[in-house]
Amino acid sequence: MSAIIVSDLRKRYADVAAVDGLSFEVAEGEVFCVLGPNGAGKTTTVEILEGHRDRTGGDVEVLGFDPRHGGREFRERIGIVLQEAGVDDEFSVRELITLYRGMYPRRRAVDELIDLVGLGEKADARIKTLSGGQRRRLDLALGLVGDPDLLFLDEPTTGFDPSARRKAWVLVDNLRTLGKTIVLTTHYMDEAQHLADRVAVIVKGRLVALGTPDELSDDQPDEALISFRLPAGVPATDLPDLGPSTEVDGPQVTVHTAAPTGTLATLTTWASAHTVDLESLRLARPTLEDAYLRLIGEPDGG
C-alpha cells in the first residue's frame, strides 16, 4: 500500500517552476528521504504534501486524502517536525507535551513519549534550560503526540554533535519498528544512507534519481576509489600506470577505477618490489554522497 502518491506535481511562482513534474510513491512504513541542493524544490514539495501549500498542477494523495482538502481528519493523522519550532520557554517538558496532547483525539501517553525521545531526566525541566539537541527531541515528541501514521521530519539533526545525531538515528529506527511512515529531509548524506529505505534526489524541481541508497551508490561510472600517501622522497612519477583517473596532490594519490582488484594488485606489487610503504592505503566503494554530488552536477569534494 502507498502512503503517498504524487503524479506530475507542479508548482509555479510567476515564471519560475519550483516543482516541475514530480512523480513518485512512498510505501506505508517506509523511511523516504528527499535530497537536493538549496532551491531544488524540496521544501515546496514537502509543504504541498503536508497541505500547507497549494499546487499549480498534478495529483497528490497522502493517506488517501488530497492534502489541500483533507481538513482536520487528515491533519490528525500526520505529524510535522519543523527545523525550528517556536514554543514558550516557561513550560516544562511534561507540561508542553500534555498541552499538545489535548489537541488530538488519538494520543500517546505523556510519559511514554518522554521516554521514547530520551528526555526522562528532563521531564520537569523548563524548556529554556534544554540544550539544542534536547529541544529537537522535544520537537519530535510534539510531532508524535497524536500518534500519527505519517511523520514529516525536516532536518531533524541540524546542529547536533556526532553523539546526539547517532542517538537521533536510533530514535528514527525505533519509529520504523512502530510502523510509521517517515518523510525525511536532510543535508547529511550519512544520515540518509543510514536511515532511508529509498532516496529521491530533486534538482531544479525535477526528480533526477530514485532508489535505495545502495542502488544510487552503485550506479556510478567509477566503481571504486583507491587512495594512499607516498612516503617522503618517493615521487609520484615513479608509480606504475594506474589508469587515466589518477590524481596527485602532493604526497596524496587518489585513483578512480572500474577494476579495483587489478589496480590494487598493480600498485601493491610495485610497492613490494620497491620496498615502499603506502601510508593510509584505502579502498572504498562510491558512497551516497558521491552519487549525490554527481547527480546535482557538482564535482566530488565541491
Protein backbone atom coordinates (compact mmCIF):
# COMPACT_ATOMS: atom_id res chain seq x y z
CA MET A 1 0.00 0.00 0.00
CA SER A 2 1.15 3.54 -0.74
CA ALA A 3 1.02 6.21 1.95
CA ILE A 4 1.84 8.92 -0.62
CA ILE A 5 1.17 9.05 -4.37
CA VAL A 6 2.48 12.01 -6.36
CA SER A 7 1.80 12.34 -10.08
CA ASP A 8 3.12 15.16 -12.31
CA LEU A 9 3.28 17.60 -9.38
CA ARG A 10 3.92 21.18 -10.44
CA LYS A 11 4.25 24.47 -8.60
CA ARG A 12 4.99 27.78 -10.30
CA TYR A 13 5.75 31.22 -8.95
CA ALA A 14 5.23 33.60 -11.88
CA ASP A 15 7.78 32.39 -14.46
CA VAL A 16 9.69 30.16 -12.03
CA ALA A 17 8.94 26.41 -11.87
CA ALA A 18 9.75 25.49 -8.26
CA VAL A 19 8.40 21.96 -8.81
CA ASP A 20 8.37 20.70 -12.36
CA GLY A 21 6.54 17.41 -12.95
CA LEU A 22 7.47 15.27 -9.94
CA SER A 23 6.07 11.73 -9.75
CA PHE A 24 6.83 9.19 -7.02
CA GLU A 25 5.21 6.98 -4.39
CA VAL A 26 6.02 6.32 -0.73
CA ALA A 27 5.07 2.94 0.73
CA GLU A 28 3.43 2.55 4.12
CA GLY A 29 6.07 2.03 6.82
CA GLU A 30 8.87 3.37 4.61
CA VAL A 31 11.51 5.94 5.55
CA PHE A 32 11.65 8.09 2.42
CA CYS A 33 14.38 10.72 2.16
CA VAL A 34 14.20 13.80 -0.07
CA LEU A 35 17.59 15.21 -1.07
CA GLY A 36 18.55 18.20 -3.16
CA PRO A 37 20.54 21.43 -3.12
CA ASN A 38 19.09 24.65 -1.75
CA GLY A 39 16.37 25.91 -4.06
CA ALA A 40 15.76 22.49 -5.59
CA GLY A 41 12.08 22.42 -4.59
CA LYS A 42 12.33 20.06 -1.59
CA THR A 43 10.60 22.35 0.89
CA THR A 44 7.86 23.30 -1.56
CA THR A 45 7.20 19.64 -2.33
CA VAL A 46 7.00 18.64 1.33
CA GLU A 47 4.77 21.61 2.18
CA ILE A 48 2.36 20.53 -0.57
CA LEU A 49 2.32 17.00 0.89
CA GLU A 50 1.60 18.47 4.33
CA GLY A 51 -1.26 20.56 2.97
CA HIS A 52 0.46 23.85 3.81
CA ARG A 53 0.95 24.99 0.22
CA ASP A 54 -1.27 24.78 -2.87
CA ARG A 55 -0.02 23.19 -6.05
CA THR A 56 -0.28 24.57 -9.57
CA GLY A 57 -0.97 21.20 -11.16
CA GLY A 58 -0.72 17.45 -10.83
CA ASP A 59 -2.27 14.97 -8.40
CA VAL A 60 -1.29 14.30 -4.79
CA GLU A 61 -2.72 11.68 -2.43
CA VAL A 62 -1.50 11.42 1.17
CA LEU A 63 -3.03 8.72 3.37
CA GLY A 64 -5.94 8.63 0.95
CA PHE A 65 -6.54 12.40 1.14
CA ASP A 66 -5.88 15.30 -1.17
CA PRO A 67 -3.86 17.29 1.40
CA ARG A 68 -5.25 20.69 0.36
CA HIS A 69 -8.78 19.49 1.09
CA GLY A 70 -8.08 16.94 3.83
CA GLY A 71 -9.12 19.11 6.75
CA ARG A 72 -8.96 18.06 10.39
CA GLU A 73 -9.29 14.34 9.72
CA PHE A 74 -6.17 14.44 7.56
CA ARG A 75 -4.15 16.63 9.93
CA GLU A 76 -4.89 14.35 12.87
CA ARG A 77 -3.08 11.53 11.06
CA ILE A 78 0.17 13.37 10.27
CA GLY A 79 2.95 14.71 12.46
CA ILE A 80 5.31 17.51 11.45
CA VAL A 81 8.69 18.26 12.99
CA LEU A 82 9.94 21.58 11.63
CA GLN A 83 13.58 22.63 11.54
CA GLU A 84 12.75 25.32 14.09
CA ALA A 85 9.69 25.34 16.33
CA GLY A 86 8.69 28.28 18.49
CA VAL A 87 7.40 27.24 21.92
CA ASP A 88 7.01 29.01 25.26
CA ASP A 89 10.24 28.52 27.20
CA GLU A 90 8.47 28.75 30.55
CA PHE A 91 6.66 25.43 30.14
CA SER A 92 8.25 22.26 31.42
CA VAL A 93 8.71 19.36 29.02
CA ARG A 94 5.86 17.44 30.62
CA GLU A 95 3.54 20.48 30.63
CA LEU A 96 4.07 21.27 26.96
CA ILE A 97 3.57 17.68 25.80
CA THR A 98 0.41 17.48 27.93
CA LEU A 99 -0.90 20.71 26.36
CA TYR A 100 -0.30 19.50 22.80
CA ARG A 101 -1.73 16.08 23.64
CA GLY A 102 -5.09 17.62 24.44
CA MET A 103 -5.48 18.75 20.83
CA TYR A 104 -5.66 15.22 19.39
CA PRO A 105 -8.35 12.54 19.63
CA ARG A 106 -5.74 9.77 19.28
CA ARG A 107 -3.00 10.33 21.83
CA ARG A 108 0.20 8.72 23.02
CA ALA A 109 0.87 8.67 26.77
CA VAL A 110 2.95 11.60 28.01
CA ASP A 111 5.49 9.51 29.95
CA GLU A 112 5.78 7.08 27.03
CA LEU A 113 6.67 9.94 24.68
CA ILE A 114 9.16 11.43 27.11
CA ASP A 115 10.92 8.08 27.43
CA LEU A 116 10.74 7.43 23.68
CA VAL A 117 12.68 10.63 22.87
CA GLY A 118 15.13 10.22 25.74
CA LEU A 119 14.03 13.15 27.92
CA GLY A 120 13.19 11.21 31.07
CA GLU A 121 15.69 13.12 33.18
CA LYS A 122 14.38 16.44 31.82
CA ALA A 123 10.65 15.73 32.12
CA ASP A 124 10.07 18.52 34.67
CA ALA A 125 12.78 20.90 33.45
CA ARG A 126 11.83 24.24 31.91
CA ILE A 127 12.28 24.33 28.16
CA LYS A 128 14.58 27.34 28.43
CA THR A 129 17.11 25.13 30.26
CA LEU A 130 17.30 22.49 27.50
CA SER A 131 20.23 22.15 25.13
CA GLY A 132 19.74 22.40 21.38
CA GLY A 133 19.72 18.63 20.99
CA GLN A 134 17.23 18.22 23.82
CA ARG A 135 14.92 20.81 22.21
CA ARG A 136 14.98 18.82 18.98
CA ARG A 137 13.99 15.71 20.93
CA LEU A 138 11.11 17.70 22.39
CA ASP A 139 10.11 18.82 18.88
CA LEU A 140 9.99 15.16 17.88
CA ALA A 141 7.85 14.29 20.91
CA LEU A 142 5.38 17.03 19.91
CA GLY A 143 5.28 15.64 16.37
CA LEU A 144 4.42 12.20 17.74
CA VAL A 145 1.92 13.22 20.41
CA GLY A 146 -1.09 12.50 18.19
CA ASP A 147 0.25 9.03 17.25
CA PRO A 148 0.48 9.94 13.53
CA ASP A 149 0.56 7.41 10.73
CA LEU A 150 2.88 9.67 8.74
CA LEU A 151 5.68 11.84 10.14
CA PHE A 152 7.47 14.65 8.29
CA LEU A 153 10.99 15.30 9.64
CA ASP A 154 12.70 18.47 8.40
CA GLU A 155 16.46 18.42 9.04
CA PRO A 156 15.97 16.60 12.37
CA THR A 157 19.63 16.61 13.46
CA THR A 158 20.83 20.04 12.31
CA GLY A 159 23.23 21.39 14.93
CA PHE A 160 23.65 18.05 16.69
CA ASP A 161 27.07 16.80 17.73
CA PRO A 162 28.01 13.33 16.39
CA SER A 163 26.88 11.55 19.55
CA ALA A 164 23.48 13.28 19.58
CA ARG A 165 23.00 12.54 15.88
CA ARG A 166 23.57 8.83 16.45
CA LYS A 167 21.03 8.83 19.28
CA ALA A 168 18.52 10.55 16.98
CA TRP A 169 19.10 7.87 14.36
CA VAL A 170 18.26 5.19 16.91
CA LEU A 171 15.05 7.04 17.66
CA VAL A 172 14.04 7.15 13.99
CA ASP A 173 14.88 3.44 13.69
CA ASN A 174 12.55 2.84 16.66
CA LEU A 175 9.77 4.73 14.88
CA ARG A 176 10.29 2.47 11.87
CA THR A 177 9.64 -0.56 14.06
CA LEU A 178 6.35 1.05 15.15
CA GLY A 179 5.24 1.00 11.51
CA LYS A 180 5.34 4.75 10.99
CA THR A 181 5.84 6.19 7.51
CA ILE A 182 8.53 8.89 7.60
CA VAL A 183 9.38 11.57 5.04
CA LEU A 184 12.81 12.94 5.88
CA THR A 185 14.74 15.91 4.50
CA THR A 186 18.42 16.23 5.39
CA HIS A 187 21.70 17.64 4.15
CA TYR A 188 23.69 14.85 5.82
CA MET A 189 24.41 12.08 3.34
CA ASP A 190 25.47 9.61 6.04
CA GLU A 191 22.12 10.21 7.73
CA ALA A 192 20.24 9.41 4.53
CA GLN A 193 22.48 6.37 3.96
CA HIS A 194 21.73 5.02 7.43
CA LEU A 195 18.03 5.83 7.78
CA ALA A 196 16.39 5.83 4.36
CA ASP A 197 14.76 2.87 2.70
CA ARG A 198 14.69 4.92 -0.50
CA VAL A 199 16.02 8.30 -1.58
CA ALA A 200 14.64 10.84 -4.05
CA VAL A 201 17.07 13.42 -5.43
CA ILE A 202 15.46 16.62 -6.71
CA VAL A 203 17.30 19.21 -8.81
CA LYS A 204 15.59 22.35 -10.16
CA GLY A 205 12.19 20.95 -9.32
CA ARG A 206 12.71 17.68 -11.17
CA LEU A 207 13.33 14.15 -9.96
CA VAL A 208 16.78 13.09 -11.16
CA ALA A 209 17.16 9.84 -9.19
CA LEU A 210 15.05 7.50 -7.08
CA GLY A 211 16.15 4.30 -5.36
CA THR A 212 17.73 2.78 -2.30
CA PRO A 213 20.96 4.39 -1.05
CA ASP A 214 22.91 1.34 -2.25
CA GLU A 215 21.30 1.47 -5.70
CA LEU A 216 22.24 5.12 -6.12
CA SER A 217 25.76 4.50 -4.80
CA ASP A 218 26.33 1.53 -7.11
CA ASP A 219 25.14 3.39 -10.20
CA GLN A 220 28.45 5.21 -10.61
CA PRO A 221 30.85 5.31 -13.58
CA ASP A 222 33.84 4.91 -11.24
CA GLU A 223 33.23 1.79 -9.21
CA ALA A 224 35.92 2.25 -6.57
CA LEU A 225 38.37 4.73 -5.08
CA ILE A 226 41.93 3.84 -4.06
CA SER A 227 43.81 6.42 -2.00
CA PHE A 228 47.21 6.47 -0.28
CA ARG A 229 50.13 8.70 0.72
CA LEU A 230 53.59 8.32 -0.74
CA PRO A 231 56.47 8.47 1.74
CA ALA A 232 58.93 11.34 1.62
CA GLY A 233 61.47 11.02 -1.18
CA VAL A 234 59.28 8.90 -3.45
CA PRO A 235 57.89 10.98 -6.36
CA ALA A 236 54.55 10.15 -7.93
CA THR A 237 56.32 9.83 -11.28
CA ASP A 238 57.81 6.55 -10.04
CA LEU A 239 54.35 4.99 -9.70
CA PRO A 240 53.21 2.34 -12.21
CA ASP A 241 50.44 3.14 -14.64
CA LEU A 242 47.27 3.10 -12.52
CA GLY A 243 44.96 4.44 -15.20
CA PRO A 244 43.94 7.87 -16.51
CA SER A 245 41.86 8.78 -13.43
CA THR A 246 44.84 9.19 -11.13
CA GLU A 247 45.02 12.41 -9.14
CA VAL A 248 48.12 13.61 -7.30
CA ASP A 249 48.06 16.32 -4.64
CA GLY A 250 51.49 16.46 -3.06
CA PRO A 251 52.06 13.08 -1.43
CA GLN A 252 48.35 12.21 -1.58
CA VAL A 253 47.34 9.99 -4.51
CA THR A 254 43.76 9.13 -5.46
CA VAL A 255 42.78 6.65 -8.17
CA HIS A 256 39.26 6.18 -9.56
CA THR A 257 38.98 2.75 -11.12
CA ALA A 258 36.39 0.38 -12.52
CA ALA A 259 38.77 -2.55 -11.90
CA PRO A 260 39.80 -2.17 -8.25
CA THR A 261 41.25 -5.67 -7.82
CA GLY A 262 43.63 -5.36 -10.78
CA THR A 263 44.59 -1.77 -9.99
CA LEU A 264 45.30 -2.59 -6.37
CA ALA A 265 47.37 -5.62 -7.38
CA THR A 266 49.47 -3.47 -9.73
CA LEU A 267 50.02 -0.91 -7.00
CA THR A 268 50.93 -3.32 -4.22
CA THR A 269 53.21 -5.38 -6.48
CA TRP A 270 55.11 -2.21 -7.36
CA ALA A 271 55.28 -1.11 -3.72
CA SER A 272 56.61 -4.50 -2.61
CA ALA A 273 59.23 -4.61 -5.35
CA HIS A 274 60.47 -1.11 -4.45
CA THR A 275 60.15 -1.59 -0.67
CA VAL A 276 57.72 1.32 -0.47
CA ASP A 277 55.28 1.63 2.41
CA LEU A 278 52.00 3.15 1.18
CA GLU A 279 50.63 5.09 4.15
CA SER A 280 46.86 5.31 4.69
CA LEU A 281 46.17 2.89 1.84
CA ARG A 282 42.41 2.64 1.47
CA LEU A 283 39.94 1.05 -0.95
CA ALA A 284 36.42 2.49 -0.87
CA ARG A 285 33.30 2.00 -2.92
CA PRO A 286 31.32 5.07 -4.03
CA THR A 287 29.09 6.47 -1.31
CA LEU A 288 25.68 8.07 -1.48
CA GLU A 289 27.46 11.42 -1.20
CA ASP A 290 29.50 10.63 -4.33
CA ALA A 291 26.30 9.76 -6.19
CA TYR A 292 24.53 12.87 -4.91
CA LEU A 293 27.31 15.22 -5.98
CA ARG A 294 27.30 13.74 -9.47
CA LEU A 295 23.52 13.96 -9.75
CA ILE A 296 23.38 17.63 -8.79
CA GLY A 297 26.22 18.42 -11.15
CA GLU A 298 28.84 19.24 -8.54
CA PRO A 299 32.31 17.68 -8.69
CA ASP A 300 33.40 15.42 -5.85
CA GLY A 301 34.55 17.45 -2.89
CA GLY A 302 32.92 20.61 -4.30
